[in-house]
Amino acid sequence: MAPVTFGGLGVREFLAIFLFHKVGLGTTEALSLSLLWFSISVIASIFGGVIFLFSENPMSTLHKKTV
């Protein structure tokens, strides 16, 4: 049974440390890289969400034109 985590946080970092250790990267570097990638993903998602909230929904305008 897979553990339930917040956004995969913890499981992703463990796997990053485990897999990057196989290619010779240290624990702190692997953890930092994984957290940096997660942070970039969250920031990009928030930015896209803000754009989505303040833009007009093209499906609603399409529906209004056909009715």
N, C-alpha and C. Protein backbone atom coordinates (compact mmCIF):
# COMPACT_ATOMS: atom_id res chain seq x y z
N MET A 1 0.85 -1.16 0.00
CA MET A 1 0.00 0.00 0.00
C MET A 1 0.90 1.23 0.00
N ALA A 2 0.63 2.17 -0.90
CA ALA A 2 1.43 3.38 -1.01
C ALA A 2 1.05 4.37 0.09
N PRO A 3 2.02 5.03 0.68
CA PRO A 3 1.70 6.02 1.71
C PRO A 3 1.05 7.25 1.09
N VAL A 4 0.17 7.87 1.83
CA VAL A 4 -0.49 9.08 1.38
C VAL A 4 0.37 10.27 1.82
N THR A 5 0.80 11.09 0.86
CA THR A 5 1.65 12.23 1.19
C THR A 5 1.08 13.48 0.56
N PHE A 6 1.54 14.62 1.00
CA PHE A 6 1.13 15.91 0.46
C PHE A 6 1.93 16.18 -0.80
N GLY A 7 1.33 15.98 -1.95
CA GLY A 7 2.00 16.24 -3.22
C GLY A 7 3.16 15.31 -3.50
N GLY A 8 3.22 14.18 -2.84
CA GLY A 8 4.33 13.26 -3.05
C GLY A 8 5.59 13.66 -2.32
N LEU A 9 5.50 14.70 -1.50
CA LEU A 9 6.66 15.19 -0.76
C LEU A 9 7.11 14.12 0.23
N GLY A 10 8.36 13.83 0.22
CA GLY A 10 8.91 12.79 1.09
C GLY A 10 9.26 11.56 0.28
N VAL A 11 8.27 11.02 -0.42
CA VAL A 11 8.52 9.86 -1.27
C VAL A 11 9.41 10.28 -2.44
N ARG A 12 9.10 11.43 -3.04
CA ARG A 12 9.90 11.93 -4.16
C ARG A 12 11.34 12.21 -3.72
N GLU A 13 11.50 12.80 -2.55
CA GLU A 13 12.83 13.11 -2.06
C GLU A 13 13.62 11.85 -1.74
N PHE A 14 12.96 10.87 -1.15
CA PHE A 14 13.63 9.60 -0.87
C PHE A 14 14.11 8.95 -2.16
N LEU A 15 13.24 8.93 -3.17
CA LEU A 15 13.63 8.33 -4.45
C LEU A 15 14.74 9.13 -5.13
N ALA A 16 14.70 10.44 -5.02
CA ALA A 16 15.76 11.27 -5.60
C ALA A 16 17.10 10.96 -4.94
N ILE A 17 17.09 10.89 -3.62
CA ILE A 17 18.33 10.59 -2.90
C ILE A 17 18.83 9.19 -3.28
N PHE A 18 17.92 8.23 -3.32
CA PHE A 18 18.29 6.86 -3.64
C PHE A 18 18.86 6.75 -5.06
N LEU A 19 18.16 7.34 -6.03
CA LEU A 19 18.59 7.20 -7.43
C LEU A 19 19.82 8.05 -7.75
N PHE A 20 19.88 9.27 -7.22
CA PHE A 20 21.06 10.09 -7.48
C PHE A 20 22.30 9.55 -6.78
N HIS A 21 22.09 8.85 -5.66
CA HIS A 21 23.23 8.23 -4.98
C HIS A 21 23.87 7.15 -5.86
N LYS A 22 23.04 6.49 -6.67
CA LYS A 22 23.55 5.45 -7.58
C LYS A 22 24.50 6.01 -8.63
N VAL A 23 24.33 7.31 -9.00
CA VAL A 23 25.20 7.92 -10.00
C VAL A 23 26.27 8.80 -9.38
N GLY A 24 26.38 8.78 -8.05
CA GLY A 24 27.48 9.45 -7.38
C GLY A 24 27.18 10.81 -6.80
N LEU A 25 25.93 11.23 -6.78
CA LEU A 25 25.59 12.52 -6.19
C LEU A 25 25.34 12.34 -4.70
N GLY A 26 25.74 13.32 -3.91
CA GLY A 26 25.58 13.24 -2.47
C GLY A 26 24.14 13.41 -2.02
N THR A 27 23.90 13.09 -0.77
CA THR A 27 22.55 13.17 -0.20
C THR A 27 22.03 14.59 -0.19
N THR A 28 22.82 15.54 0.28
CA THR A 28 22.35 16.91 0.38
C THR A 28 22.11 17.53 -1.00
N GLU A 29 22.95 17.18 -1.96
CA GLU A 29 22.76 17.71 -3.32
C GLU A 29 21.49 17.14 -3.95
N ALA A 30 21.25 15.86 -3.76
CA ALA A 30 20.06 15.22 -4.31
C ALA A 30 18.79 15.78 -3.67
N LEU A 31 18.83 15.96 -2.36
CA LEU A 31 17.68 16.53 -1.66
C LEU A 31 17.43 17.96 -2.12
N SER A 32 18.49 18.74 -2.24
CA SER A 32 18.34 20.13 -2.69
C SER A 32 17.78 20.19 -4.11
N LEU A 33 18.26 19.34 -4.98
CA LEU A 33 17.77 19.31 -6.35
C LEU A 33 16.30 18.92 -6.40
N SER A 34 15.91 17.96 -5.61
CA SER A 34 14.52 17.51 -5.59
C SER A 34 13.60 18.60 -5.04
N LEU A 35 14.00 19.26 -3.97
CA LEU A 35 13.18 20.33 -3.40
C LEU A 35 13.13 21.54 -4.32
N LEU A 36 14.23 21.83 -5.02
CA LEU A 36 14.24 22.93 -5.98
C LEU A 36 13.27 22.64 -7.12
N TRP A 37 13.28 21.43 -7.63
CA TRP A 37 12.37 21.05 -8.71
C TRP A 37 10.91 21.13 -8.25
N PHE A 38 10.64 20.69 -7.03
CA PHE A 38 9.29 20.78 -6.48
C PHE A 38 8.86 22.23 -6.34
N SER A 39 9.75 23.09 -5.88
CA SER A 39 9.44 24.51 -5.72
C SER A 39 9.15 25.17 -7.06
N ILE A 40 9.94 24.85 -8.08
CA ILE A 40 9.70 25.41 -9.42
C ILE A 40 8.35 24.95 -9.94
N SER A 41 8.01 23.70 -9.73
CA SER A 41 6.71 23.17 -10.17
C SER A 41 5.55 23.88 -9.47
N VAL A 42 5.69 24.10 -8.17
CA VAL A 42 4.63 24.78 -7.42
C VAL A 42 4.47 26.22 -7.88
N ILE A 43 5.58 26.92 -8.08
CA ILE A 43 5.52 28.31 -8.53
C ILE A 43 4.89 28.41 -9.91
N ALA A 44 5.27 27.52 -10.82
CA ALA A 44 4.68 27.53 -12.16
C ALA A 44 3.19 27.20 -12.11
N SER A 45 2.79 26.29 -11.24
CA SER A 45 1.38 25.95 -11.11
C SER A 45 0.57 27.10 -10.55
N ILE A 46 1.11 27.79 -9.57
CA ILE A 46 0.43 28.95 -9.00
C ILE A 46 0.28 30.04 -10.05
N PHE A 47 1.33 30.29 -10.81
CA PHE A 47 1.30 31.29 -11.87
C PHE A 47 0.24 30.94 -12.91
N GLY A 48 0.18 29.69 -13.32
CA GLY A 48 -0.83 29.24 -14.27
C GLY A 48 -2.23 29.32 -13.70
N GLY A 49 -2.38 29.03 -12.42
CA GLY A 49 -3.69 29.12 -11.77
C GLY A 49 -4.19 30.55 -11.71
N VAL A 50 -3.30 31.49 -11.44
CA VAL A 50 -3.68 32.91 -11.42
C VAL A 50 -4.11 33.36 -12.81
N ILE A 51 -3.38 32.96 -13.82
CA ILE A 51 -3.76 33.30 -15.20
C ILE A 51 -5.12 32.69 -15.52
N PHE A 52 -5.35 31.46 -15.13
CA PHE A 52 -6.63 30.81 -15.38
C PHE A 52 -7.78 31.52 -14.67
N LEU A 53 -7.56 31.94 -13.42
CA LEU A 53 -8.62 32.60 -12.67
C LEU A 53 -9.03 33.94 -13.28
N PHE A 54 -8.07 34.67 -13.81
CA PHE A 54 -8.36 36.01 -14.31
C PHE A 54 -8.57 36.07 -15.82
N SER A 55 -8.56 34.94 -16.48
CA SER A 55 -8.84 34.93 -17.92
C SER A 55 -10.28 34.49 -18.15
N GLU A 56 -10.78 34.84 -19.32
CA GLU A 56 -12.14 34.45 -19.65
C GLU A 56 -12.13 33.00 -20.11
N ASN A 57 -13.08 32.24 -19.64
CA ASN A 57 -13.17 30.84 -19.99
C ASN A 57 -13.67 30.71 -21.44
N PRO A 58 -12.87 30.16 -22.35
CA PRO A 58 -13.31 30.08 -23.74
C PRO A 58 -14.51 29.16 -23.92
N MET A 59 -14.71 28.19 -23.07
CA MET A 59 -15.86 27.29 -23.20
C MET A 59 -17.16 28.01 -22.86
N SER A 60 -17.11 28.94 -21.91
CA SER A 60 -18.34 29.65 -21.54
C SER A 60 -18.74 30.61 -22.66
N THR A 61 -17.80 31.24 -23.33
CA THR A 61 -18.14 32.14 -24.45
C THR A 61 -18.63 31.36 -25.64
N LEU A 62 -18.08 30.17 -25.85
CA LEU A 62 -18.55 29.32 -26.94
C LEU A 62 -19.98 28.87 -26.70
N HIS A 63 -20.29 28.54 -25.46
CA HIS A 63 -21.64 28.10 -25.11
C HIS A 63 -22.63 29.24 -25.28
N LYS A 64 -22.27 30.46 -24.92
CA LYS A 64 -23.17 31.60 -25.03
C LYS A 64 -23.48 31.91 -26.50
N LYS A 65 -22.53 31.71 -27.39
CA LYS A 65 -22.74 32.02 -28.80
C LYS A 65 -23.69 31.02 -29.46
N THR A 66 -23.67 29.77 -29.03
CA THR A 66 -24.49 28.75 -29.68
C THR A 66 -25.89 28.72 -29.14
N VAL A 67 -26.15 29.26 -27.97
CA VAL A 67 -27.48 29.20 -27.36
C VAL A 67 -28.31 30.38 -27.79
